[in-house]
């Protein structure tokens, strides 16, 4: 997932909510192997590595309907959001 923060979003607020997503949501999901946040200039990256596609899709569905997911998504520029999925090769 790559995105820009919303024009009214304070970076410290975003990082706080992202930390909550990581601890309270992401690592509570079955199959999550790794999650990290990255940044280059004004673009942000959330990289998640899952044990399999089914686990990733189930987590996405749960995130989309959760209050923490709504809090996170409210802080990003929806027009800049790109979500890509890749299959592991090793």
PDB file of N, CA and C in Angstrom:
ATOM      1  N   UNK A   1       0.851  -1.155   0.000  1.00  0.00           N
ATOM      2  CA  UNK A   1       0.000   0.000   0.000  1.00  0.00           C
ATOM      3  C   UNK A   1       0.905   1.229   0.000  1.00  0.00           C
ATOM      4  N   UNK A   2       0.681   2.133  -0.950  1.00  0.00           N
ATOM      5  CA  UNK A   2       1.378   3.412  -0.968  1.00  0.00           C
ATOM      6  C   UNK A   2       0.340   4.521  -0.985  1.00  0.00           C
ATOM      7  N   UNK A   3       0.719   5.672  -0.426  1.00  0.00           N
ATOM      8  CA  UNK A   3      -0.238   6.770  -0.296  1.00  0.00           C
ATOM      9  C   UNK A   3       0.489   8.023   0.178  1.00  0.00           C
ATOM     10  N   UNK A   4      -0.236   9.125   0.134  1.00  0.00           N
ATOM     11  CA  UNK A   4       0.176  10.374   0.770  1.00  0.00           C
ATOM     12  C   UNK A   4      -0.760  10.621   1.942  1.00  0.00           C
ATOM     13  N   UNK A   5      -0.297  11.358   2.905  1.00  0.00           N
ATOM     14  CA  UNK A   5      -1.178  11.740   3.998  1.00  0.00           C
ATOM     15  C   UNK A   5      -2.176  12.779   3.515  1.00  0.00           C
ATOM     16  N   UNK A   6      -3.315  12.847   4.160  1.00  0.00           N
ATOM     17  CA  UNK A   6      -4.291  13.869   3.845  1.00  0.00           C
ATOM     18  C   UNK A   6      -3.732  15.243   4.135  1.00  0.00           C
ATOM     19  N   UNK A   7      -4.238  16.249   3.462  1.00  0.00           N
ATOM     20  CA  UNK A   7      -3.696  17.599   3.604  1.00  0.00           C
ATOM     21  C   UNK A   7      -3.815  18.133   5.034  1.00  0.00           C
ATOM     22  N   UNK A   8      -4.786  17.670   5.780  1.00  0.00           N
ATOM     23  CA  UNK A   8      -4.987  18.126   7.161  1.00  0.00           C
ATOM     24  C   UNK A   8      -4.368  17.183   8.184  1.00  0.00           C
ATOM     25  N   UNK A   9      -3.714  16.129   7.738  1.00  0.00           N
ATOM     26  CA  UNK A   9      -3.190  15.112   8.651  1.00  0.00           C
ATOM     27  C   UNK A   9      -1.839  15.519   9.220  1.00  0.00           C
ATOM     28  N   UNK A  10      -1.741  15.483  10.524  1.00  0.00           N
ATOM     29  CA  UNK A  10      -0.488  15.711  11.228  1.00  0.00           C
ATOM     30  C   UNK A  10       0.294  14.387  11.237  1.00  0.00           C
ATOM     31  N   UNK A  11       1.581  14.443  10.893  1.00  0.00           N
ATOM     32  CA  UNK A  11       2.379  13.221  10.809  1.00  0.00           C
ATOM     33  C   UNK A  11       2.412  12.457  12.128  1.00  0.00           C
ATOM     34  N   UNK A  12       2.522  13.153  13.234  1.00  0.00           N
ATOM     35  CA  UNK A  12       2.581  12.456  14.524  1.00  0.00           C
ATOM     36  C   UNK A  12       1.261  11.742  14.829  1.00  0.00           C
ATOM     37  N   UNK A  13       0.147  12.347  14.441  1.00  0.00           N
ATOM     38  CA  UNK A  13      -1.152  11.681  14.606  1.00  0.00           C
ATOM     39  C   UNK A  13      -1.202  10.429  13.746  1.00  0.00           C
ATOM     40  N   UNK A  14      -0.762  10.546  12.490  1.00  0.00           N
ATOM     41  CA  UNK A  14      -0.759   9.386  11.607  1.00  0.00           C
ATOM     42  C   UNK A  14       0.108   8.262  12.175  1.00  0.00           C
ATOM     43  N   UNK A  15       1.300   8.603  12.616  1.00  0.00           N
ATOM     44  CA  UNK A  15       2.211   7.571  13.129  1.00  0.00           C
ATOM     45  C   UNK A  15       1.644   6.905  14.379  1.00  0.00           C
ATOM     46  N   UNK A  16       0.923   7.658  15.175  1.00  0.00           N
ATOM     47  CA  UNK A  16       0.274   7.086  16.352  1.00  0.00           C
ATOM     48  C   UNK A  16      -0.801   6.078  15.942  1.00  0.00           C
ATOM     49  N   UNK A  17      -1.645   6.478  14.998  1.00  0.00           N
ATOM     50  CA  UNK A  17      -2.700   5.569  14.530  1.00  0.00           C
ATOM     51  C   UNK A  17      -2.077   4.364  13.837  1.00  0.00           C
ATOM     52  N   UNK A  18      -1.052   4.569  13.027  1.00  0.00           N
ATOM     53  CA  UNK A  18      -0.396   3.445  12.369  1.00  0.00           C
ATOM     54  C   UNK A  18       0.189   2.476  13.407  1.00  0.00           C
ATOM     55  N   UNK A  19       0.770   2.999  14.473  1.00  0.00           N
ATOM     56  CA  UNK A  19       1.282   2.140  15.537  1.00  0.00           C
ATOM     57  C   UNK A  19       0.185   1.305  16.169  1.00  0.00           C
ATOM     58  N   UNK A  20      -0.975   1.915  16.357  1.00  0.00           N
ATOM     59  CA  UNK A  20      -2.126   1.167  16.880  1.00  0.00           C
ATOM     60  C   UNK A  20      -2.567   0.089  15.899  1.00  0.00           C
ATOM     61  N   UNK A  21      -2.584   0.417  14.605  1.00  0.00           N
ATOM     62  CA  UNK A  21      -2.944  -0.584  13.598  1.00  0.00           C
ATOM     63  C   UNK A  21      -1.996  -1.773  13.704  1.00  0.00           C
ATOM     64  N   UNK A  22      -0.721  -1.485  13.820  1.00  0.00           N
ATOM     65  CA  UNK A  22       0.276  -2.553  13.862  1.00  0.00           C
ATOM     66  C   UNK A  22       0.080  -3.453  15.091  1.00  0.00           C
ATOM     67  N   UNK A  23      -0.060  -2.849  16.263  1.00  0.00           N
ATOM     68  CA  UNK A  23      -0.131  -3.616  17.509  1.00  0.00           C
ATOM     69  C   UNK A  23      -1.522  -4.207  17.757  1.00  0.00           C
ATOM     70  N   UNK A  24      -2.549  -3.369  17.598  1.00  0.00           N
ATOM     71  CA  UNK A  24      -3.899  -3.779  17.969  1.00  0.00           C
ATOM     72  C   UNK A  24      -4.632  -4.553  16.884  1.00  0.00           C
ATOM     73  N   UNK A  25      -4.197  -4.406  15.637  1.00  0.00           N
ATOM     74  CA  UNK A  25      -4.913  -5.073  14.551  1.00  0.00           C
ATOM     75  C   UNK A  25      -4.028  -6.047  13.774  1.00  0.00           C
ATOM     76  N   UNK A  26      -3.012  -5.525  13.114  1.00  0.00           N
ATOM     77  CA  UNK A  26      -2.257  -6.337  12.149  1.00  0.00           C
ATOM     78  C   UNK A  26      -1.651  -7.588  12.773  1.00  0.00           C
ATOM     79  N   UNK A  27      -0.921  -7.418  13.856  1.00  0.00           N
ATOM     80  CA  UNK A  27      -0.255  -8.574  14.447  1.00  0.00           C
ATOM     81  C   UNK A  27      -1.210  -9.472  15.237  1.00  0.00           C
ATOM     82  N   UNK A  28      -2.472  -9.123  15.277  1.00  0.00           N
ATOM     83  CA  UNK A  28      -3.493  -9.997  15.848  1.00  0.00           C
ATOM     84  C   UNK A  28      -4.102 -10.912  14.789  1.00  0.00           C
ATOM     85  N   UNK A  29      -3.762 -10.675  13.529  1.00  0.00           N
ATOM     86  CA  UNK A  29      -4.309 -11.460  12.422  1.00  0.00           C
ATOM     87  C   UNK A  29      -3.463 -12.708  12.189  1.00  0.00           C
ATOM     88  N   UNK A  30      -4.138 -13.789  11.951  1.00  0.00           N
ATOM     89  CA  UNK A  30      -3.456 -15.045  11.636  1.00  0.00           C
ATOM     90  C   UNK A  30      -2.757 -14.934  10.285  1.00  0.00           C
ATOM     91  N   UNK A  31      -1.510 -15.339  10.233  1.00  0.00           N
ATOM     92  CA  UNK A  31      -0.791 -15.391   8.971  1.00  0.00           C
ATOM     93  C   UNK A  31       0.097 -14.203   8.668  1.00  0.00           C
ATOM     94  N   UNK A  32       0.069 -13.145   9.490  1.00  0.00           N
ATOM     95  CA  UNK A  32       0.946 -12.006   9.235  1.00  0.00           C
ATOM     96  C   UNK A  32       2.361 -12.346   9.680  1.00  0.00           C
ATOM     97  N   UNK A  33       3.301 -12.237   8.761  1.00  0.00           N
ATOM     98  CA  UNK A  33       4.695 -12.538   9.061  1.00  0.00           C
ATOM     99  C   UNK A  33       5.492 -11.281   9.380  1.00  0.00           C
ATOM    100  N   UNK A  34       5.172 -10.181   8.684  1.00  0.00           N
ATOM    101  CA  UNK A  34       5.949  -8.943   8.861  1.00  0.00           C
ATOM    102  C   UNK A  34       5.128  -7.768   8.380  1.00  0.00           C
ATOM    103  N   UNK A  35       5.223  -6.639   9.093  1.00  0.00           N
ATOM    104  CA  UNK A  35       4.597  -5.381   8.671  1.00  0.00           C
ATOM    105  C   UNK A  35       5.567  -4.260   8.992  1.00  0.00           C
ATOM    106  N   UNK A  36       5.756  -3.358   8.043  1.00  0.00           N
ATOM    107  CA  UNK A  36       6.645  -2.227   8.273  1.00  0.00           C
ATOM    108  C   UNK A  36       6.121  -0.990   7.562  1.00  0.00           C
ATOM    109  N   UNK A  37       6.473   0.159   8.085  1.00  0.00           N
ATOM    110  CA  UNK A  37       6.090   1.453   7.527  1.00  0.00           C
ATOM    111  C   UNK A  37       7.332   2.107   6.950  1.00  0.00           C
ATOM    112  N   UNK A  38       7.222   2.637   5.751  1.00  0.00           N
ATOM    113  CA  UNK A  38       8.335   3.344   5.124  1.00  0.00           C
ATOM    114  C   UNK A  38       7.869   4.671   4.549  1.00  0.00           C
ATOM    115  N   UNK A  39       8.846   5.514   4.246  1.00  0.00           N
ATOM    116  CA  UNK A  39       8.527   6.833   3.709  1.00  0.00           C
ATOM    117  C   UNK A  39       9.630   7.285   2.764  1.00  0.00           C
ATOM    118  N   UNK A  40       9.217   7.931   1.678  1.00  0.00           N
ATOM    119  CA  UNK A  40      10.127   8.620   0.766  1.00  0.00           C
ATOM    120  C   UNK A  40       9.449   9.922   0.373  1.00  0.00           C
ATOM    121  N   UNK A  41      10.057  11.029   0.794  1.00  0.00           N
ATOM    122  CA  UNK A  41       9.474  12.361   0.571  1.00  0.00           C
ATOM    123  C   UNK A  41       8.068  12.395   1.164  1.00  0.00           C
ATOM    124  N   UNK A  42       7.046  12.664   0.343  1.00  0.00           N
ATOM    125  CA  UNK A  42       5.684  12.720   0.882  1.00  0.00           C
ATOM    126  C   UNK A  42       4.892  11.442   0.618  1.00  0.00           C
ATOM    127  N   UNK A  43       5.558  10.402   0.111  1.00  0.00           N
ATOM    128  CA  UNK A  43       4.903   9.110  -0.142  1.00  0.00           C
ATOM    129  C   UNK A  43       5.211   8.150   0.993  1.00  0.00           C
ATOM    130  N   UNK A  44       4.203   7.419   1.402  1.00  0.00           N
ATOM    131  CA  UNK A  44       4.324   6.432   2.475  1.00  0.00           C
ATOM    132  C   UNK A  44       4.059   5.048   1.915  1.00  0.00           C
ATOM    133  N   UNK A  45       4.635   4.057   2.578  1.00  0.00           N
ATOM    134  CA  UNK A  45       4.481   2.653   2.194  1.00  0.00           C
ATOM    135  C   UNK A  45       4.166   1.844   3.440  1.00  0.00           C
ATOM    136  N   UNK A  46       3.152   1.013   3.354  1.00  0.00           N
ATOM    137  CA  UNK A  46       2.926  -0.029   4.351  1.00  0.00           C
ATOM    138  C   UNK A  46       3.155  -1.338   3.616  1.00  0.00           C
ATOM    139  N   UNK A  47       4.166  -2.081   4.067  1.00  0.00           N
ATOM    140  CA  UNK A  47       4.512  -3.363   3.459  1.00  0.00           C
ATOM    141  C   UNK A  47       4.172  -4.466   4.446  1.00  0.00           C
ATOM    142  N   UNK A  48       3.368  -5.404   3.991  1.00  0.00           N
ATOM    143  CA  UNK A  48       2.979  -6.531   4.834  1.00  0.00           C
ATOM    144  C   UNK A  48       3.319  -7.815   4.102  1.00  0.00           C
ATOM    145  N   UNK A  49       3.863  -8.756   4.831  1.00  0.00           N
ATOM    146  CA  UNK A  49       4.191 -10.075   4.280  1.00  0.00           C
ATOM    147  C   UNK A  49       3.300 -11.084   5.000  1.00  0.00           C
ATOM    148  N   UNK A  50       2.558 -11.825   4.206  1.00  0.00           N
ATOM    149  CA  UNK A  50       1.589 -12.780   4.735  1.00  0.00           C
ATOM    150  C   UNK A  50       2.001 -14.206   4.395  1.00  0.00           C
ATOM    151  N   UNK A  51       1.536 -15.140   5.207  1.00  0.00           N
ATOM    152  CA  UNK A  51       1.813 -16.557   4.973  1.00  0.00           C
ATOM    153  C   UNK A  51       1.123 -17.054   3.703  1.00  0.00           C
ATOM    154  N   UNK A  52       0.064 -16.390   3.283  1.00  0.00           N
ATOM    155  CA  UNK A  52      -0.654 -16.785   2.074  1.00  0.00           C
ATOM    156  C   UNK A  52      -1.709 -15.766   1.702  1.00  0.00           C
ATOM    157  N   UNK A  53      -2.207 -15.887   0.488  1.00  0.00           N
ATOM    158  CA  UNK A  53      -3.188 -14.938  -0.030  1.00  0.00           C
ATOM    159  C   UNK A  53      -4.485 -14.951   0.768  1.00  0.00           C
ATOM    160  N   UNK A  54      -4.924 -16.120   1.214  1.00  0.00           N
ATOM    161  CA  UNK A  54      -6.169 -16.191   1.979  1.00  0.00           C
ATOM    162  C   UNK A  54      -6.082 -15.378   3.266  1.00  0.00           C
ATOM    163  N   UNK A  55      -4.943 -15.461   3.956  1.00  0.00           N
ATOM    164  CA  UNK A  55      -4.758 -14.694   5.190  1.00  0.00           C
ATOM    165  C   UNK A  55      -4.766 -13.197   4.900  1.00  0.00           C
ATOM    166  N   UNK A  56      -4.116 -12.798   3.816  1.00  0.00           N
ATOM    167  CA  UNK A  56      -4.068 -11.376   3.441  1.00  0.00           C
ATOM    168  C   UNK A  56      -5.459 -10.852   3.097  1.00  0.00           C
ATOM    169  N   UNK A  57      -6.218 -11.607   2.349  1.00  0.00           N
ATOM    170  CA  UNK A  57      -7.561 -11.177   1.948  1.00  0.00           C
ATOM    171  C   UNK A  57      -8.501 -11.113   3.145  1.00  0.00           C
ATOM    172  N   UNK A  58      -8.389 -12.077   4.050  1.00  0.00           N
ATOM    173  CA  UNK A  58      -9.230 -12.062   5.253  1.00  0.00           C
ATOM    174  C   UNK A  58      -8.901 -10.850   6.125  1.00  0.00           C
ATOM    175  N   UNK A  59      -7.623 -10.547   6.256  1.00  0.00           N
ATOM    176  CA  UNK A  59      -7.225  -9.386   7.044  1.00  0.00           C
ATOM    177  C   UNK A  59      -7.718  -8.096   6.405  1.00  0.00           C
ATOM    178  N   UNK A  60      -7.639  -7.998   5.082  1.00  0.00           N
ATOM    179  CA  UNK A  60      -8.116  -6.802   4.387  1.00  0.00           C
ATOM    180  C   UNK A  60      -9.612  -6.599   4.621  1.00  0.00           C
ATOM    181  N   UNK A  61     -10.383  -7.677   4.543  1.00  0.00           N
ATOM    182  CA  UNK A  61     -11.828  -7.584   4.770  1.00  0.00           C
ATOM    183  C   UNK A  61     -12.117  -7.125   6.202  1.00  0.00           C
ATOM    184  N   UNK A  62     -11.380  -7.655   7.170  1.00  0.00           N
ATOM    185  CA  UNK A  62     -11.573  -7.251   8.565  1.00  0.00           C
ATOM    186  C   UNK A  62     -11.159  -5.799   8.778  1.00  0.00           C
ATOM    187  N   UNK A  63     -10.056  -5.387   8.160  1.00  0.00           N
ATOM    188  CA  UNK A  63      -9.578  -4.006   8.273  1.00  0.00           C
ATOM    189  C   UNK A  63     -10.601  -3.032   7.708  1.00  0.00           C
ATOM    190  N   UNK A  64     -11.177  -3.383   6.575  1.00  0.00           N
ATOM    191  CA  UNK A  64     -12.139  -2.503   5.902  1.00  0.00           C
ATOM    192  C   UNK A  64     -13.392  -2.237   6.735  1.00  0.00           C
ATOM    193  N   UNK A  65     -13.705  -3.115   7.668  1.00  0.00           N
ATOM    194  CA  UNK A  65     -14.915  -2.954   8.478  1.00  0.00           C
ATOM    195  C   UNK A  65     -14.616  -2.615   9.937  1.00  0.00           C
ATOM    196  N   UNK A  66     -13.343  -2.401  10.254  1.00  0.00           N
ATOM    197  CA  UNK A  66     -12.968  -2.127  11.644  1.00  0.00           C
ATOM    198  C   UNK A  66     -12.901  -0.624  11.921  1.00  0.00           C
ATOM    199  N   UNK A  67     -13.053  -0.259  13.177  1.00  0.00           N
ATOM    200  CA  UNK A  67     -12.940   1.156  13.541  1.00  0.00           C
ATOM    201  C   UNK A  67     -11.499   1.642  13.396  1.00  0.00           C
ATOM    202  N   UNK A  68     -10.517   0.813  13.701  1.00  0.00           N
ATOM    203  CA  UNK A  68      -9.117   1.225  13.536  1.00  0.00           C
ATOM    204  C   UNK A  68      -8.789   1.401  12.052  1.00  0.00           C
ATOM    205  N   UNK A  69      -9.376   0.579  11.205  1.00  0.00           N
ATOM    206  CA  UNK A  69      -9.203   0.748   9.762  1.00  0.00           C
ATOM    207  C   UNK A  69      -9.783   2.069   9.292  1.00  0.00           C
ATOM    208  N   UNK A  70     -10.952   2.420   9.819  1.00  0.00           N
ATOM    209  CA  UNK A  70     -11.577   3.696   9.457  1.00  0.00           C
ATOM    210  C   UNK A  70     -10.729   4.865   9.940  1.00  0.00           C
ATOM    211  N   UNK A  71     -10.179   4.751  11.150  1.00  0.00           N
ATOM    212  CA  UNK A  71      -9.311   5.806  11.682  1.00  0.00           C
ATOM    213  C   UNK A  71      -8.079   5.997  10.788  1.00  0.00           C
ATOM    214  N   UNK A  72      -7.466   4.901  10.377  1.00  0.00           N
ATOM    215  CA  UNK A  72      -6.275   4.944   9.520  1.00  0.00           C
ATOM    216  C   UNK A  72      -6.612   5.562   8.159  1.00  0.00           C
ATOM    217  N   UNK A  73      -7.655   5.072   7.544  1.00  0.00           N
ATOM    218  CA  UNK A  73      -8.010   5.525   6.195  1.00  0.00           C
ATOM    219  C   UNK A  73      -8.434   6.991   6.182  1.00  0.00           C
ATOM    220  N   UNK A  74      -8.972   7.494   7.283  1.00  0.00           N
ATOM    221  CA  UNK A  74      -9.384   8.901   7.366  1.00  0.00           C
ATOM    222  C   UNK A  74      -8.186   9.845   7.314  1.00  0.00           C
ATOM    223  N   UNK A  75      -6.995   9.337   7.575  1.00  0.00           N
ATOM    224  CA  UNK A  75      -5.801  10.176   7.630  1.00  0.00           C
ATOM    225  C   UNK A  75      -5.015  10.220   6.329  1.00  0.00           C
ATOM    226  N   UNK A  76      -5.418   9.418   5.351  1.00  0.00           N
ATOM    227  CA  UNK A  76      -4.652   9.385   4.104  1.00  0.00           C
ATOM    228  C   UNK A  76      -5.445  10.002   2.958  1.00  0.00           C
ATOM    229  N   UNK A  77      -4.721  10.435   1.949  1.00  0.00           N
ATOM    230  CA  UNK A  77      -5.316  10.988   0.734  1.00  0.00           C
ATOM    231  C   UNK A  77      -5.794   9.820  -0.122  1.00  0.00           C
ATOM    232  N   UNK A  78      -7.094   9.629  -0.176  1.00  0.00           N
ATOM    233  CA  UNK A  78      -7.668   8.483  -0.886  1.00  0.00           C
ATOM    234  C   UNK A  78      -7.307   8.461  -2.375  1.00  0.00           C
ATOM    235  N   UNK A  79      -7.150   9.636  -2.976  1.00  0.00           N
ATOM    236  CA  UNK A  79      -6.801   9.697  -4.400  1.00  0.00           C
ATOM    237  C   UNK A  79      -5.379   9.221  -4.673  1.00  0.00           C
ATOM    238  N   UNK A  80      -4.542   9.199  -3.645  1.00  0.00           N
ATOM    239  CA  UNK A  80      -3.154   8.773  -3.826  1.00  0.00           C
ATOM    240  C   UNK A  80      -2.947   7.301  -3.476  1.00  0.00           C
ATOM    241  N   UNK A  81      -3.973   6.644  -2.970  1.00  0.00           N
ATOM    242  CA  UNK A  81      -3.867   5.275  -2.474  1.00  0.00           C
ATOM    243  C   UNK A  81      -3.698   4.263  -3.610  1.00  0.00           C
ATOM    244  N   UNK A  82      -2.675   3.435  -3.472  1.00  0.00           N
ATOM    245  CA  UNK A  82      -2.460   2.315  -4.390  1.00  0.00           C
ATOM    246  C   UNK A  82      -2.203   1.074  -3.550  1.00  0.00           C
ATOM    247  N   UNK A  83      -2.928   0.009  -3.841  1.00  0.00           N
ATOM    248  CA  UNK A  83      -2.712  -1.266  -3.163  1.00  0.00           C
ATOM    249  C   UNK A  83      -2.317  -2.284  -4.224  1.00  0.00           C
ATOM    250  N   UNK A  84      -1.184  -2.939  -4.002  1.00  0.00           N
ATOM    251  CA  UNK A  84      -0.717  -3.984  -4.910  1.00  0.00           C
ATOM    252  C   UNK A  84      -0.417  -5.227  -4.103  1.00  0.00           C
ATOM    253  N   UNK A  85      -0.640  -6.362  -4.713  1.00  0.00           N
ATOM    254  CA  UNK A  85      -0.334  -7.641  -4.086  1.00  0.00           C
ATOM    255  C   UNK A  85       0.619  -8.406  -4.981  1.00  0.00           C
ATOM    256  N   UNK A  86       1.577  -9.061  -4.349  1.00  0.00           N
ATOM    257  CA  UNK A  86       2.589  -9.829  -5.061  1.00  0.00           C
ATOM    258  C   UNK A  86       2.640 -11.228  -4.461  1.00  0.00           C
ATOM    259  N   UNK A  87       2.984 -12.196  -5.283  1.00  0.00           N
ATOM    260  CA  UNK A  87       3.210 -13.557  -4.798  1.00  0.00           C
ATOM    261  C   UNK A  87       4.689 -13.701  -4.476  1.00  0.00           C
ATOM    262  N   UNK A  88       4.978 -14.377  -3.365  1.00  0.00           N
ATOM    263  CA  UNK A  88       6.355 -14.659  -3.005  1.00  0.00           C
ATOM    264  C   UNK A  88       6.978 -15.656  -3.983  1.00  0.00           C
ATOM    265  N   UNK A  89       8.260 -15.525  -4.189  1.00  0.00           N
ATOM    266  CA  UNK A  89       8.932 -16.444  -5.119  1.00  0.00           C
ATOM    267  C   UNK A  89      10.011 -17.270  -4.440  1.00  0.00           C
ATOM    268  N   UNK A  90      10.228 -17.065  -3.165  1.00  0.00           N
ATOM    269  CA  UNK A  90      11.222 -17.913  -2.485  1.00  0.00           C
ATOM    270  C   UNK A  90      10.714 -18.426  -1.167  1.00  0.00           C
TER     271      UNK A  90
END
